[in-house]
Amino acid sequence: MKKRGREKKEGLNEVDVFVGQRLRELRMLAGLSQSDVAAGLGLTFQQLQKYERGFNRVSASRLYKLAQFFRVPVSVFFEGLDSQTGSPAAVSDTHAAESVDANTLRSREALMLARYFQSIRDPQVRSALRELAERCAVDDGAGPAAGSAAGTYGHAAGRA
């Protein structure tokens, strides 16, 4: 019996998984559901879900449309790829799924915090929250973060 799609032994490509994670981050930061984004691009939410999980590869033309939709440069989908992956080699379905699942809660919390932070208009309150977060991170030994989703993707949240 012939199986449809990729066979299990082939695994997922690290680049496809990375681009999918970026897509998910942009969507969540904008406060949009998979159905919202899919409808805006003429897709089904299942297609978008497969893109986000790295099961389906995003074509160049679709990536361009996604960048236009979120009002970001196409390069946003690849920022940080070199430091995360040694080479664009395939990874197993299990490894990719574990990686996505392990980062889901942290990613969701960070994106939601960035989204809420952007909606604060009072500069003093924003400054106080930034300082509080920095002190908490230093107290936990994590140190200040090198970059933030708010700074990198701040212009995407305006579509909420």
N, C-alpha and C. Protein backbone atom coordinates (compact mmCIF):
# COMPACT_ATOMS: atom_id res chain seq x y z
N MET A 1 0.85 -1.19 0.00
CA MET A 1 0.00 0.00 0.00
C MET A 1 0.89 1.24 0.00
N LYS A 2 0.62 2.14 -0.87
CA LYS A 2 1.42 3.35 -0.99
C LYS A 2 0.93 4.41 -0.01
N LYS A 3 1.88 4.99 0.74
CA LYS A 3 1.53 6.03 1.71
C LYS A 3 1.53 7.39 1.04
N ARG A 4 0.65 8.25 1.52
CA ARG A 4 0.61 9.62 1.01
C ARG A 4 1.58 10.49 1.79
N GLY A 5 2.13 11.51 1.13
CA GLY A 5 3.01 12.47 1.80
C GLY A 5 4.38 11.89 2.09
N ARG A 6 5.08 12.51 3.02
CA ARG A 6 6.43 12.07 3.40
C ARG A 6 6.34 10.81 4.24
N GLU A 7 7.29 9.92 4.02
CA GLU A 7 7.34 8.72 4.85
C GLU A 7 7.98 9.09 6.17
N LYS A 8 7.67 8.32 7.20
CA LYS A 8 8.18 8.59 8.55
C LYS A 8 9.70 8.63 8.58
N LYS A 9 10.36 7.71 7.87
CA LYS A 9 11.81 7.62 7.95
C LYS A 9 12.50 8.86 7.38
N GLU A 10 11.82 9.58 6.51
CA GLU A 10 12.44 10.77 5.92
C GLU A 10 12.60 11.88 6.95
N GLY A 11 11.65 12.03 7.84
CA GLY A 11 11.75 13.06 8.88
C GLY A 11 11.41 14.44 8.37
N LEU A 12 11.59 15.39 9.24
CA LEU A 12 11.31 16.79 8.93
C LEU A 12 12.62 17.53 8.70
N ASN A 13 12.56 18.52 7.86
CA ASN A 13 13.73 19.33 7.59
C ASN A 13 13.81 20.45 8.63
N GLU A 14 14.98 20.66 9.20
CA GLU A 14 15.16 21.68 10.25
C GLU A 14 14.75 23.07 9.77
N VAL A 15 15.04 23.39 8.53
CA VAL A 15 14.71 24.71 8.00
C VAL A 15 13.19 24.88 7.92
N ASP A 16 12.49 23.84 7.46
CA ASP A 16 11.03 23.90 7.39
C ASP A 16 10.42 24.08 8.77
N VAL A 17 10.95 23.38 9.75
CA VAL A 17 10.46 23.49 11.13
C VAL A 17 10.74 24.90 11.66
N PHE A 18 11.93 25.43 11.39
CA PHE A 18 12.31 26.77 11.86
C PHE A 18 11.40 27.83 11.25
N VAL A 19 11.18 27.77 9.93
CA VAL A 19 10.31 28.74 9.26
C VAL A 19 8.90 28.63 9.82
N GLY A 20 8.44 27.42 10.07
CA GLY A 20 7.11 27.22 10.65
C GLY A 20 6.98 27.83 12.03
N GLN A 21 8.03 27.70 12.84
CA GLN A 21 8.02 28.31 14.17
C GLN A 21 7.96 29.83 14.07
N ARG A 22 8.69 30.38 13.13
CA ARG A 22 8.66 31.84 12.91
C ARG A 22 7.26 32.29 12.51
N LEU A 23 6.64 31.52 11.62
CA LEU A 23 5.28 31.82 11.18
C LEU A 23 4.33 31.81 12.36
N ARG A 24 4.45 30.81 13.21
CA ARG A 24 3.60 30.71 14.40
C ARG A 24 3.82 31.90 15.33
N GLU A 25 5.08 32.27 15.53
CA GLU A 25 5.39 33.42 16.40
C GLU A 25 4.75 34.69 15.86
N LEU A 26 4.87 34.93 14.57
CA LEU A 26 4.28 36.13 13.97
C LEU A 26 2.76 36.12 14.13
N ARG A 27 2.17 34.97 13.88
CA ARG A 27 0.71 34.87 14.00
C ARG A 27 0.25 35.13 15.42
N MET A 28 0.92 34.52 16.38
CA MET A 28 0.52 34.70 17.79
C MET A 28 0.76 36.14 18.24
N LEU A 29 1.88 36.72 17.83
CA LEU A 29 2.18 38.10 18.21
C LEU A 29 1.13 39.05 17.66
N ALA A 30 0.62 38.74 16.48
CA ALA A 30 -0.43 39.56 15.89
C ALA A 30 -1.79 39.28 16.51
N GLY A 31 -1.88 38.25 17.36
CA GLY A 31 -3.14 37.93 18.01
C GLY A 31 -4.15 37.30 17.06
N LEU A 32 -3.66 36.58 16.07
CA LEU A 32 -4.54 35.98 15.07
C LEU A 32 -4.60 34.46 15.24
N SER A 33 -5.72 33.89 14.89
CA SER A 33 -5.86 32.43 14.92
C SER A 33 -5.34 31.87 13.60
N GLN A 34 -5.16 30.56 13.58
CA GLN A 34 -4.75 29.92 12.32
C GLN A 34 -5.81 30.15 11.26
N SER A 35 -7.06 30.12 11.66
CA SER A 35 -8.16 30.35 10.71
C SER A 35 -8.13 31.76 10.14
N ASP A 36 -7.80 32.75 10.98
CA ASP A 36 -7.71 34.14 10.52
C ASP A 36 -6.65 34.29 9.42
N VAL A 37 -5.46 33.76 9.70
CA VAL A 37 -4.36 33.89 8.74
C VAL A 37 -4.67 33.09 7.48
N ALA A 38 -5.17 31.88 7.66
CA ALA A 38 -5.49 31.03 6.52
C ALA A 38 -6.52 31.71 5.61
N ALA A 39 -7.55 32.27 6.21
CA ALA A 39 -8.58 32.95 5.41
C ALA A 39 -8.00 34.14 4.65
N GLY A 40 -7.09 34.87 5.30
CA GLY A 40 -6.47 36.02 4.65
C GLY A 40 -5.58 35.64 3.48
N LEU A 41 -5.12 34.39 3.46
CA LEU A 41 -4.23 33.93 2.40
C LEU A 41 -4.90 32.95 1.44
N GLY A 42 -6.17 32.64 1.70
CA GLY A 42 -6.88 31.70 0.84
C GLY A 42 -6.47 30.25 1.06
N LEU A 43 -6.15 29.90 2.30
CA LEU A 43 -5.76 28.54 2.67
C LEU A 43 -6.78 27.95 3.63
N THR A 44 -6.64 26.67 3.91
CA THR A 44 -7.40 26.08 5.01
C THR A 44 -6.54 26.20 6.26
N PHE A 45 -7.15 26.17 7.43
CA PHE A 45 -6.35 26.27 8.64
C PHE A 45 -5.46 25.04 8.79
N GLN A 46 -5.89 23.89 8.20
CA GLN A 46 -5.06 22.69 8.28
C GLN A 46 -3.76 22.88 7.49
N GLN A 47 -3.84 23.56 6.34
CA GLN A 47 -2.63 23.83 5.57
C GLN A 47 -1.68 24.71 6.37
N LEU A 48 -2.23 25.75 7.00
CA LEU A 48 -1.39 26.64 7.80
C LEU A 48 -0.78 25.89 8.97
N GLN A 49 -1.57 25.03 9.58
CA GLN A 49 -1.08 24.23 10.71
C GLN A 49 0.10 23.36 10.27
N LYS A 50 0.03 22.77 9.10
CA LYS A 50 1.12 21.95 8.59
C LYS A 50 2.36 22.79 8.31
N TYR A 51 2.17 24.02 7.83
CA TYR A 51 3.31 24.92 7.65
C TYR A 51 3.97 25.21 8.99
N GLU A 52 3.15 25.54 9.99
CA GLU A 52 3.68 25.91 11.31
C GLU A 52 4.44 24.77 11.97
N ARG A 53 4.04 23.55 11.74
CA ARG A 53 4.71 22.40 12.36
C ARG A 53 5.87 21.87 11.53
N GLY A 54 6.03 22.41 10.31
CA GLY A 54 7.13 21.99 9.46
C GLY A 54 6.83 20.73 8.67
N PHE A 55 5.58 20.25 8.70
CA PHE A 55 5.21 19.06 7.94
C PHE A 55 5.13 19.36 6.46
N ASN A 56 4.71 20.57 6.11
CA ASN A 56 4.68 21.01 4.71
C ASN A 56 5.66 22.15 4.54
N ARG A 57 6.38 22.14 3.45
CA ARG A 57 7.34 23.18 3.13
C ARG A 57 6.61 24.38 2.55
N VAL A 58 7.00 25.58 3.00
CA VAL A 58 6.39 26.82 2.50
C VAL A 58 7.14 27.22 1.22
N SER A 59 6.40 27.36 0.13
CA SER A 59 7.03 27.74 -1.14
C SER A 59 7.49 29.20 -1.07
N ALA A 60 8.34 29.57 -1.99
CA ALA A 60 8.85 30.94 -2.03
C ALA A 60 7.73 31.95 -2.25
N SER A 61 6.80 31.64 -3.14
CA SER A 61 5.70 32.58 -3.40
C SER A 61 4.78 32.70 -2.18
N ARG A 62 4.53 31.60 -1.49
CA ARG A 62 3.69 31.63 -0.30
C ARG A 62 4.40 32.37 0.84
N LEU A 63 5.72 32.18 0.94
CA LEU A 63 6.50 32.88 1.96
C LEU A 63 6.45 34.38 1.72
N TYR A 64 6.51 34.78 0.46
CA TYR A 64 6.42 36.19 0.11
C TYR A 64 5.05 36.76 0.51
N LYS A 65 3.99 36.00 0.24
CA LYS A 65 2.64 36.44 0.62
C LYS A 65 2.49 36.53 2.13
N LEU A 66 3.09 35.59 2.85
CA LEU A 66 3.05 35.62 4.32
C LEU A 66 3.76 36.87 4.85
N ALA A 67 4.91 37.18 4.26
CA ALA A 67 5.65 38.38 4.67
C ALA A 67 4.83 39.63 4.42
N GLN A 68 4.15 39.69 3.29
CA GLN A 68 3.28 40.84 3.01
C GLN A 68 2.13 40.91 4.00
N PHE A 69 1.53 39.77 4.30
CA PHE A 69 0.40 39.70 5.21
C PHE A 69 0.78 40.24 6.59
N PHE A 70 1.95 39.84 7.09
CA PHE A 70 2.40 40.26 8.41
C PHE A 70 3.19 41.57 8.38
N ARG A 71 3.39 42.11 7.18
CA ARG A 71 4.13 43.36 7.01
C ARG A 71 5.55 43.29 7.59
N VAL A 72 6.24 42.22 7.24
CA VAL A 72 7.63 42.02 7.65
C VAL A 72 8.44 41.63 6.42
N PRO A 73 9.74 41.84 6.46
CA PRO A 73 10.57 41.36 5.34
C PRO A 73 10.64 39.83 5.35
N VAL A 74 10.81 39.22 4.20
CA VAL A 74 10.90 37.77 4.09
C VAL A 74 12.02 37.23 4.98
N SER A 75 13.08 38.00 5.14
CA SER A 75 14.23 37.56 5.93
C SER A 75 13.88 37.25 7.38
N VAL A 76 12.78 37.79 7.89
CA VAL A 76 12.36 37.53 9.27
C VAL A 76 12.16 36.04 9.50
N PHE A 77 11.72 35.32 8.48
CA PHE A 77 11.46 33.90 8.62
C PHE A 77 12.74 33.08 8.79
N PHE A 78 13.90 33.69 8.49
CA PHE A 78 15.16 32.98 8.56
C PHE A 78 16.13 33.53 9.60
N GLU A 79 15.76 34.62 10.28
CA GLU A 79 16.66 35.23 11.27
C GLU A 79 16.92 34.26 12.41
N GLY A 80 18.22 34.02 12.67
CA GLY A 80 18.62 33.12 13.74
C GLY A 80 18.75 31.67 13.29
N LEU A 81 18.49 31.39 12.05
CA LEU A 81 18.55 30.02 11.55
C LEU A 81 19.96 29.46 11.63
N ASP A 82 20.96 30.25 11.26
CA ASP A 82 22.34 29.78 11.27
C ASP A 82 22.81 29.37 12.65
N SER A 83 22.39 30.11 13.67
CA SER A 83 22.84 29.79 15.02
C SER A 83 22.10 28.60 15.60
N GLN A 84 20.90 28.32 15.12
CA GLN A 84 20.12 27.21 15.67
C GLN A 84 20.45 25.89 14.99
N THR A 85 20.73 25.91 13.71
CA THR A 85 20.99 24.68 12.98
C THR A 85 22.42 24.69 12.46
N GLY A 86 23.08 23.56 12.59
CA GLY A 86 24.43 23.44 12.06
C GLY A 86 24.40 23.40 10.55
N SER A 87 23.46 22.66 10.02
CA SER A 87 23.26 22.57 8.58
C SER A 87 21.82 22.19 8.34
N PRO A 88 21.31 22.47 7.17
CA PRO A 88 19.91 22.15 6.91
C PRO A 88 19.67 20.66 6.69
N ALA A 89 20.06 19.84 7.66
CA ALA A 89 19.86 18.39 7.58
C ALA A 89 18.50 18.02 8.14
N ALA A 90 18.03 16.86 7.77
CA ALA A 90 16.72 16.41 8.25
C ALA A 90 16.81 15.96 9.70
N VAL A 91 15.72 16.12 10.42
CA VAL A 91 15.60 15.65 11.80
C VAL A 91 14.41 14.71 11.85
N SER A 92 14.38 13.87 12.86
CA SER A 92 13.28 12.93 12.97
C SER A 92 12.01 13.64 13.38
N ASP A 93 10.86 13.05 13.04
CA ASP A 93 9.56 13.60 13.43
C ASP A 93 9.49 13.74 14.94
N THR A 94 9.97 12.73 15.66
CA THR A 94 9.91 12.73 17.11
C THR A 94 10.72 13.88 17.68
N HIS A 95 11.96 14.07 17.21
CA HIS A 95 12.83 15.14 17.71
C HIS A 95 12.20 16.49 17.45
N ALA A 96 11.68 16.72 16.24
CA ALA A 96 11.08 18.01 15.91
C ALA A 96 9.84 18.26 16.75
N ALA A 97 9.01 17.24 16.94
CA ALA A 97 7.80 17.40 17.74
C ALA A 97 8.15 17.71 19.19
N GLU A 98 9.17 17.04 19.73
CA GLU A 98 9.59 17.31 21.11
C GLU A 98 10.09 18.73 21.25
N SER A 99 10.86 19.18 20.28
CA SER A 99 11.39 20.54 20.30
C SER A 99 10.28 21.57 20.28
N VAL A 100 9.29 21.37 19.40
CA VAL A 100 8.17 22.30 19.31
C VAL A 100 7.36 22.28 20.60
N ASP A 101 7.06 21.07 21.12
CA ASP A 101 6.27 20.96 22.35
C ASP A 101 6.98 21.57 23.55
N ALA A 102 8.29 21.39 23.66
CA ALA A 102 9.04 21.91 24.80
C ALA A 102 9.05 23.43 24.82
N ASN A 103 9.02 24.05 23.65
CA ASN A 103 9.09 25.50 23.57
C ASN A 103 7.72 26.17 23.48
N THR A 104 6.65 25.39 23.37
CA THR A 104 5.33 25.96 23.15
C THR A 104 4.92 26.90 24.26
N LEU A 105 5.00 26.44 25.51
CA LEU A 105 4.54 27.26 26.63
C LEU A 105 5.40 28.51 26.76
N ARG A 106 6.73 28.34 26.73
CA ARG A 106 7.61 29.50 26.86
C ARG A 106 7.39 30.46 25.71
N SER A 107 7.25 29.95 24.52
CA SER A 107 7.06 30.79 23.35
C SER A 107 5.75 31.55 23.46
N ARG A 108 4.70 30.85 23.83
CA ARG A 108 3.38 31.48 23.94
C ARG A 108 3.42 32.58 25.00
N GLU A 109 4.03 32.30 26.15
CA GLU A 109 4.11 33.31 27.21
C GLU A 109 4.91 34.52 26.76
N ALA A 110 6.04 34.29 26.12
CA ALA A 110 6.87 35.40 25.68
C ALA A 110 6.15 36.25 24.63
N LEU A 111 5.48 35.60 23.71
CA LEU A 111 4.76 36.34 22.68
C LEU A 111 3.60 37.13 23.26
N MET A 112 2.89 36.53 24.20
CA MET A 112 1.77 37.24 24.82
C MET A 112 2.28 38.43 25.63
N LEU A 113 3.37 38.25 26.37
CA LEU A 113 3.95 39.37 27.12
C LEU A 113 4.37 40.49 26.18
N ALA A 114 5.00 40.13 25.08
CA ALA A 114 5.42 41.15 24.11
C ALA A 114 4.21 41.89 23.55
N ARG A 115 3.16 41.15 23.27
CA ARG A 115 1.95 41.75 22.73
C ARG A 115 1.31 42.71 23.74
N TYR A 116 1.21 42.27 24.98
CA TYR A 116 0.64 43.14 26.02
C TYR A 116 1.52 44.36 26.25
N PHE A 117 2.83 44.14 26.27
CA PHE A 117 3.76 45.23 26.49
C PHE A 117 3.60 46.31 25.43
N GLN A 118 3.42 45.89 24.18
CA GLN A 118 3.27 46.86 23.09
C GLN A 118 2.02 47.70 23.24
N SER A 119 1.01 47.17 23.90
CA SER A 119 -0.24 47.93 24.04
C SER A 119 -0.19 48.94 25.18
N ILE A 120 0.86 48.93 25.98
CA ILE A 120 1.01 49.90 27.07
C ILE A 120 1.52 51.21 26.48
N ARG A 121 0.76 52.25 26.64
CA ARG A 121 1.11 53.54 26.03
C ARG A 121 1.95 54.44 26.94
N ASP A 122 1.84 54.26 28.23
CA ASP A 122 2.56 55.10 29.19
C ASP A 122 4.04 54.70 29.21
N PRO A 123 4.95 55.59 28.78
CA PRO A 123 6.37 55.25 28.72
C PRO A 123 6.97 54.91 30.09
N GLN A 124 6.45 55.52 31.15
CA GLN A 124 6.97 55.23 32.49
C GLN A 124 6.60 53.81 32.93
N VAL A 125 5.39 53.41 32.62
CA VAL A 125 4.95 52.05 32.96
C VAL A 125 5.76 51.03 32.15
N ARG A 126 5.96 51.32 30.86
CA ARG A 126 6.76 50.42 30.02
C ARG A 126 8.18 50.29 30.57
N SER A 127 8.76 51.41 30.96
CA SER A 127 10.11 51.41 31.50
C SER A 127 10.18 50.62 32.80
N ALA A 128 9.19 50.82 33.66
CA ALA A 128 9.17 50.12 34.95
C ALA A 128 9.04 48.60 34.73
N LEU A 129 8.21 48.20 33.80
CA LEU A 129 8.04 46.77 33.52
C LEU A 129 9.32 46.17 32.93
N ARG A 130 9.96 46.91 32.03
CA ARG A 130 11.21 46.44 31.44
C ARG A 130 12.26 46.24 32.52
N GLU A 131 12.38 47.23 33.42
CA GLU A 131 13.35 47.13 34.51
C GLU A 131 13.03 45.96 35.44
N LEU A 132 11.75 45.76 35.74
CA LEU A 132 11.34 44.64 36.58
C LEU A 132 11.72 43.31 35.93
N ALA A 133 11.43 43.17 34.65
CA ALA A 133 11.75 41.94 33.94
C ALA A 133 13.26 41.70 33.92
N GLU A 134 14.02 42.78 33.72
CA GLU A 134 15.47 42.66 33.69
C GLU A 134 16.01 42.22 35.05
N ARG A 135 15.49 42.79 36.11
CA ARG A 135 15.93 42.41 37.47
C ARG A 135 15.56 40.98 37.79
N CYS A 136 14.37 40.57 37.41
CA CYS A 136 13.95 39.18 37.64
C CYS A 136 14.83 38.21 36.88
N ALA A 137 15.18 38.54 35.65
CA ALA A 137 16.03 37.69 34.84
C ALA A 137 17.42 37.59 35.44
N VAL A 138 17.94 38.70 35.94
CA VAL A 138 19.27 38.71 36.55
C VAL A 138 19.24 37.92 37.85
N ASP A 139 18.18 38.07 38.66
CA ASP A 139 18.06 37.34 39.91
C ASP A 139 18.00 35.84 39.69
N ASP A 140 17.40 35.42 38.57
CA ASP A 140 17.29 34.00 38.27
C ASP A 140 18.56 33.46 37.62
N GLY A 141 19.52 34.33 37.37
CA GLY A 141 20.77 33.91 36.75
C GLY A 141 20.69 33.84 35.24
N ALA A 142 19.56 34.22 34.67
CA ALA A 142 19.39 34.13 33.22
C ALA A 142 20.05 35.30 32.50
N GLY A 143 20.16 36.42 33.18
CA GLY A 143 20.76 37.59 32.54
C GLY A 143 19.79 38.22 31.58
N PRO A 144 20.08 39.45 31.16
CA PRO A 144 19.18 40.12 30.21
C PRO A 144 19.19 39.41 28.87
N ALA A 145 18.05 39.36 28.25
CA ALA A 145 17.92 38.69 26.95
C ALA A 145 18.63 39.49 25.88
N ALA A 146 19.15 38.78 24.89
CA ALA A 146 19.89 39.43 23.80
C ALA A 146 18.95 40.21 22.88
N GLY A 147 17.74 39.77 22.76
CA GLY A 147 16.78 40.46 21.89
C GLY A 147 15.39 40.09 22.33
N SER A 148 14.41 40.78 21.82
CA SER A 148 13.04 40.46 22.21
C SER A 148 12.16 40.35 21.00
N ALA A 149 11.12 39.57 21.14
CA ALA A 149 10.15 39.44 20.05
C ALA A 149 9.50 40.79 19.78
N ALA A 150 9.31 41.59 20.82
CA ALA A 150 8.66 42.89 20.63
C ALA A 150 9.51 43.79 19.75
N GLY A 151 10.81 43.78 19.98
CA GLY A 151 11.68 44.63 19.18
C GLY A 151 11.82 44.12 17.76
N THR A 152 11.87 42.81 17.61
CA THR A 152 12.07 42.23 16.30
C THR A 152 10.82 42.23 15.45
N TYR A 153 9.69 41.90 16.08
CA TYR A 153 8.46 41.75 15.32
C TYR A 153 7.40 42.76 15.71
N GLY A 154 7.77 43.83 16.33
CA GLY A 154 6.84 44.79 16.86
C GLY A 154 5.82 45.27 15.86
N HIS A 155 6.20 45.39 14.60
CA HIS A 155 5.27 45.93 13.62
C HIS A 155 4.23 44.90 13.20
N ALA A 156 4.40 43.63 13.53
CA ALA A 156 3.42 42.62 13.15
C ALA A 156 2.20 42.66 14.07
N ALA A 157 2.35 43.11 15.29
CA ALA A 157 1.26 43.07 16.25
C ALA A 157 0.17 44.06 15.93
N GLY A 158 0.42 45.01 15.10
CA GLY A 158 -0.57 46.01 14.77
C GLY A 158 -1.76 45.45 14.00
N ARG A 159 -1.68 44.22 13.53
CA ARG A 159 -2.76 43.62 12.74
C ARG A 159 -3.78 42.92 13.61
N ALA A 160 -3.65 42.98 14.92
CA ALA A 160 -4.56 42.23 15.80
C ALA A 160 -5.98 42.66 15.67
